[in-house]
Amino acid sequence: MFPVVADHLVGYLLVGELFSGAVLLTNGGWAQAALLWATTTPALVAFRRMLRERYLQPLQVGGCWGSAISGRTARRQDVSVN
């Protein structure tokens, strides 16, 4: 659940940053909006990409949790112990 929550949280930060820059533009703060978009957007996008590659992609490749998240039926294999 953490990877999904973190991904959504960073997405919400990106949307909030976009709207904050739009408010700055409408109020005449061109330099502030440009500075906000030039510094914050690349960092948030890089962080979100890192979160997806490190935490979300392994969940969707396979395994019990990956198949449950992607909507497929999870199958448990019984392993005999000698």
N, C-alpha and C. Protein backbone atom coordinates (compact mmCIF):
# COMPACT_ATOMS: atom_id res chain seq x y z
N MET A 1 0.82 -1.19 0.00
CA MET A 1 0.00 0.00 0.00
C MET A 1 0.87 1.26 0.00
N PHE A 2 2.02 1.19 0.65
CA PHE A 2 2.90 2.35 0.69
C PHE A 2 3.28 2.85 -0.70
N PRO A 3 3.67 1.98 -1.64
CA PRO A 3 4.07 2.49 -2.95
C PRO A 3 2.95 3.24 -3.67
N VAL A 4 1.74 2.76 -3.54
CA VAL A 4 0.62 3.42 -4.20
C VAL A 4 0.34 4.77 -3.55
N VAL A 5 0.36 4.81 -2.22
CA VAL A 5 0.11 6.07 -1.50
C VAL A 5 1.21 7.09 -1.82
N ALA A 6 2.46 6.64 -1.83
CA ALA A 6 3.56 7.55 -2.12
C ALA A 6 3.48 8.08 -3.55
N ASP A 7 3.10 7.21 -4.49
CA ASP A 7 2.97 7.63 -5.88
C ASP A 7 1.87 8.68 -6.03
N HIS A 8 0.74 8.44 -5.38
CA HIS A 8 -0.35 9.41 -5.44
C HIS A 8 0.01 10.71 -4.75
N LEU A 9 0.71 10.63 -3.64
CA LEU A 9 1.10 11.83 -2.91
C LEU A 9 2.02 12.71 -3.75
N VAL A 10 2.99 12.11 -4.42
CA VAL A 10 3.88 12.90 -5.26
C VAL A 10 3.12 13.46 -6.46
N GLY A 11 2.16 12.70 -6.98
CA GLY A 11 1.32 13.21 -8.06
C GLY A 11 0.51 14.41 -7.62
N TYR A 12 -0.02 14.35 -6.40
CA TYR A 12 -0.77 15.49 -5.87
C TYR A 12 0.13 16.70 -5.67
N LEU A 13 1.38 16.46 -5.26
CA LEU A 13 2.33 17.56 -5.13
C LEU A 13 2.61 18.21 -6.48
N LEU A 14 2.70 17.40 -7.52
CA LEU A 14 2.90 17.95 -8.86
C LEU A 14 1.71 18.80 -9.30
N VAL A 15 0.51 18.32 -9.04
CA VAL A 15 -0.69 19.10 -9.40
C VAL A 15 -0.75 20.39 -8.60
N GLY A 16 -0.46 20.33 -7.32
CA GLY A 16 -0.45 21.53 -6.49
C GLY A 16 0.59 22.53 -6.94
N GLU A 17 1.73 22.03 -7.35
CA GLU A 17 2.79 22.92 -7.84
C GLU A 17 2.38 23.57 -9.16
N LEU A 18 1.69 22.81 -10.00
CA LEU A 18 1.20 23.36 -11.26
C LEU A 18 0.20 24.49 -11.01
N PHE A 19 -0.74 24.26 -10.10
CA PHE A 19 -1.72 25.30 -9.79
C PHE A 19 -1.10 26.50 -9.09
N SER A 20 -0.11 26.26 -8.23
CA SER A 20 0.57 27.38 -7.58
C SER A 20 1.28 28.26 -8.61
N GLY A 21 1.92 27.62 -9.58
CA GLY A 21 2.56 28.39 -10.65
C GLY A 21 1.54 29.15 -11.48
N ALA A 22 0.37 28.55 -11.72
CA ALA A 22 -0.68 29.24 -12.47
C ALA A 22 -1.19 30.46 -11.72
N VAL A 23 -1.32 30.35 -10.41
CA VAL A 23 -1.75 31.50 -9.61
C VAL A 23 -0.68 32.59 -9.66
N LEU A 24 0.57 32.19 -9.57
CA LEU A 24 1.64 33.19 -9.67
C LEU A 24 1.61 33.89 -11.03
N LEU A 25 1.37 33.14 -12.09
CA LEU A 25 1.30 33.75 -13.42
C LEU A 25 0.15 34.74 -13.53
N THR A 26 -1.01 34.38 -13.01
CA THR A 26 -2.16 35.29 -13.12
C THR A 26 -1.99 36.53 -12.26
N ASN A 27 -1.20 36.44 -11.22
CA ASN A 27 -0.96 37.61 -10.37
C ASN A 27 0.27 38.40 -10.80
N GLY A 28 0.87 38.01 -11.92
CA GLY A 28 2.00 38.78 -12.43
C GLY A 28 3.36 38.34 -11.93
N GLY A 29 3.43 37.21 -11.27
CA GLY A 29 4.72 36.73 -10.77
C GLY A 29 5.36 35.78 -11.76
N TRP A 30 5.76 36.33 -12.90
CA TRP A 30 6.35 35.50 -13.96
C TRP A 30 7.65 34.85 -13.50
N ALA A 31 8.49 35.62 -12.87
CA ALA A 31 9.78 35.08 -12.44
C ALA A 31 9.61 34.01 -11.36
N GLN A 32 8.69 34.24 -10.43
CA GLN A 32 8.46 33.26 -9.38
C GLN A 32 7.88 31.95 -9.94
N ALA A 33 6.96 32.07 -10.90
CA ALA A 33 6.37 30.87 -11.51
C ALA A 33 7.44 30.10 -12.29
N ALA A 34 8.27 30.81 -13.03
CA ALA A 34 9.33 30.15 -13.78
C ALA A 34 10.33 29.48 -12.84
N LEU A 35 10.67 30.15 -11.75
CA LEU A 35 11.58 29.57 -10.78
C LEU A 35 10.98 28.34 -10.12
N LEU A 36 9.70 28.41 -9.78
CA LEU A 36 9.01 27.28 -9.17
C LEU A 36 8.99 26.08 -10.12
N TRP A 37 8.63 26.31 -11.38
CA TRP A 37 8.54 25.23 -12.35
C TRP A 37 9.91 24.70 -12.74
N ALA A 38 10.91 25.55 -12.76
CA ALA A 38 12.25 25.12 -13.16
C ALA A 38 12.95 24.32 -12.07
N THR A 39 12.62 24.55 -10.82
CA THR A 39 13.32 23.87 -9.74
C THR A 39 12.53 22.70 -9.16
N THR A 40 11.24 22.89 -8.97
CA THR A 40 10.45 21.87 -8.28
C THR A 40 9.97 20.76 -9.20
N THR A 41 9.54 21.09 -10.40
CA THR A 41 8.98 20.08 -11.29
C THR A 41 9.98 18.98 -11.64
N PRO A 42 11.19 19.29 -12.08
CA PRO A 42 12.12 18.19 -12.40
C PRO A 42 12.45 17.31 -11.19
N ALA A 43 12.55 17.92 -10.01
CA ALA A 43 12.86 17.14 -8.82
C ALA A 43 11.71 16.19 -8.47
N LEU A 44 10.47 16.69 -8.54
CA LEU A 44 9.32 15.84 -8.24
C LEU A 44 9.14 14.73 -9.28
N VAL A 45 9.36 15.05 -10.54
CA VAL A 45 9.24 14.03 -11.58
C VAL A 45 10.32 12.96 -11.41
N ALA A 46 11.53 13.36 -11.11
CA ALA A 46 12.61 12.39 -10.90
C ALA A 46 12.33 11.52 -9.67
N PHE A 47 11.81 12.14 -8.61
CA PHE A 47 11.49 11.38 -7.40
C PHE A 47 10.35 10.40 -7.65
N ARG A 48 9.33 10.83 -8.40
CA ARG A 48 8.22 9.94 -8.71
C ARG A 48 8.68 8.79 -9.60
N ARG A 49 9.56 9.06 -10.55
CA ARG A 49 10.10 8.00 -11.41
C ARG A 49 10.90 7.00 -10.59
N MET A 50 11.69 7.49 -9.64
CA MET A 50 12.46 6.61 -8.78
C MET A 50 11.53 5.74 -7.92
N LEU A 51 10.46 6.34 -7.37
CA LEU A 51 9.51 5.58 -6.57
C LEU A 51 8.85 4.49 -7.39
N ARG A 52 8.46 4.82 -8.61
CA ARG A 52 7.80 3.82 -9.47
C ARG A 52 8.74 2.69 -9.82
N GLU A 53 9.98 3.01 -10.17
CA GLU A 53 10.93 1.96 -10.56
C GLU A 53 11.33 1.09 -9.38
N ARG A 54 11.49 1.70 -8.21
CA ARG A 54 11.97 0.95 -7.06
C ARG A 54 10.87 0.18 -6.35
N TYR A 55 9.67 0.74 -6.25
CA TYR A 55 8.64 0.13 -5.42
C TYR A 55 7.43 -0.40 -6.19
N LEU A 56 6.97 0.31 -7.21
CA LEU A 56 5.77 -0.14 -7.91
C LEU A 56 6.05 -1.21 -8.96
N GLN A 57 7.12 -1.08 -9.72
CA GLN A 57 7.40 -2.05 -10.77
C GLN A 57 7.62 -3.47 -10.23
N PRO A 58 8.36 -3.67 -9.14
CA PRO A 58 8.50 -5.04 -8.63
C PRO A 58 7.17 -5.67 -8.21
N LEU A 59 6.23 -4.87 -7.78
CA LEU A 59 4.93 -5.42 -7.38
C LEU A 59 4.13 -5.89 -8.58
N GLN A 60 4.31 -5.29 -9.74
CA GLN A 60 3.51 -5.63 -10.89
C GLN A 60 4.14 -6.71 -11.75
N VAL A 61 5.40 -7.06 -11.50
CA VAL A 61 6.06 -8.07 -12.31
C VAL A 61 5.56 -9.46 -11.97
N GLY A 62 5.42 -9.76 -10.72
CA GLY A 62 4.96 -11.09 -10.35
C GLY A 62 4.89 -11.25 -8.86
N GLY A 63 4.73 -12.47 -8.44
CA GLY A 63 4.62 -12.74 -7.03
C GLY A 63 3.18 -12.65 -6.58
N CYS A 64 2.96 -13.04 -5.37
CA CYS A 64 1.60 -13.07 -4.82
C CYS A 64 0.99 -11.67 -4.79
N TRP A 65 1.74 -10.70 -4.29
CA TRP A 65 1.20 -9.35 -4.18
C TRP A 65 1.05 -8.69 -5.54
N GLY A 66 1.99 -8.95 -6.44
CA GLY A 66 1.92 -8.37 -7.77
C GLY A 66 0.71 -8.83 -8.54
N SER A 67 0.39 -10.11 -8.44
CA SER A 67 -0.77 -10.60 -9.17
C SER A 67 -2.06 -10.10 -8.52
N ALA A 68 -2.05 -9.91 -7.21
CA ALA A 68 -3.25 -9.40 -6.54
C ALA A 68 -3.48 -7.93 -6.89
N ILE A 69 -2.40 -7.17 -7.03
CA ILE A 69 -2.54 -5.75 -7.36
C ILE A 69 -2.98 -5.58 -8.80
N SER A 70 -2.44 -6.39 -9.70
CA SER A 70 -2.77 -6.22 -11.10
C SER A 70 -4.12 -6.80 -11.47
N GLY A 71 -4.80 -7.45 -10.54
CA GLY A 71 -6.15 -7.94 -10.81
C GLY A 71 -6.21 -9.40 -11.17
N ARG A 72 -5.07 -10.04 -11.34
CA ARG A 72 -5.07 -11.46 -11.65
C ARG A 72 -5.23 -12.25 -10.37
N THR A 73 -5.66 -13.49 -10.48
CA THR A 73 -5.84 -14.35 -9.32
C THR A 73 -4.49 -14.86 -8.84
N ALA A 74 -4.24 -14.70 -7.57
CA ALA A 74 -2.98 -15.16 -7.00
C ALA A 74 -3.08 -16.66 -6.73
N ARG A 75 -2.01 -17.38 -7.06
CA ARG A 75 -1.96 -18.81 -6.82
C ARG A 75 -0.84 -19.10 -5.85
N ARG A 76 -1.15 -19.94 -4.89
CA ARG A 76 -0.14 -20.31 -3.91
C ARG A 76 0.37 -21.70 -4.24
N GLN A 77 1.67 -21.84 -4.31
CA GLN A 77 2.27 -23.14 -4.60
C GLN A 77 2.75 -23.75 -3.31
N ASP A 78 2.33 -24.97 -3.06
CA ASP A 78 2.76 -25.68 -1.87
C ASP A 78 4.16 -26.23 -2.07
N VAL A 79 5.00 -26.03 -1.09
CA VAL A 79 6.37 -26.49 -1.16
C VAL A 79 6.55 -27.54 -0.08
N SER A 80 7.01 -28.70 -0.48
CA SER A 80 7.23 -29.76 0.50
C SER A 80 8.60 -29.59 1.13
N VAL A 81 8.66 -29.80 2.43
CA VAL A 81 9.90 -29.67 3.19
C VAL A 81 10.41 -31.08 3.49
N ASN A 82 11.65 -31.35 3.16
CA ASN A 82 12.23 -32.68 3.39
C ASN A 82 12.77 -32.79 4.79
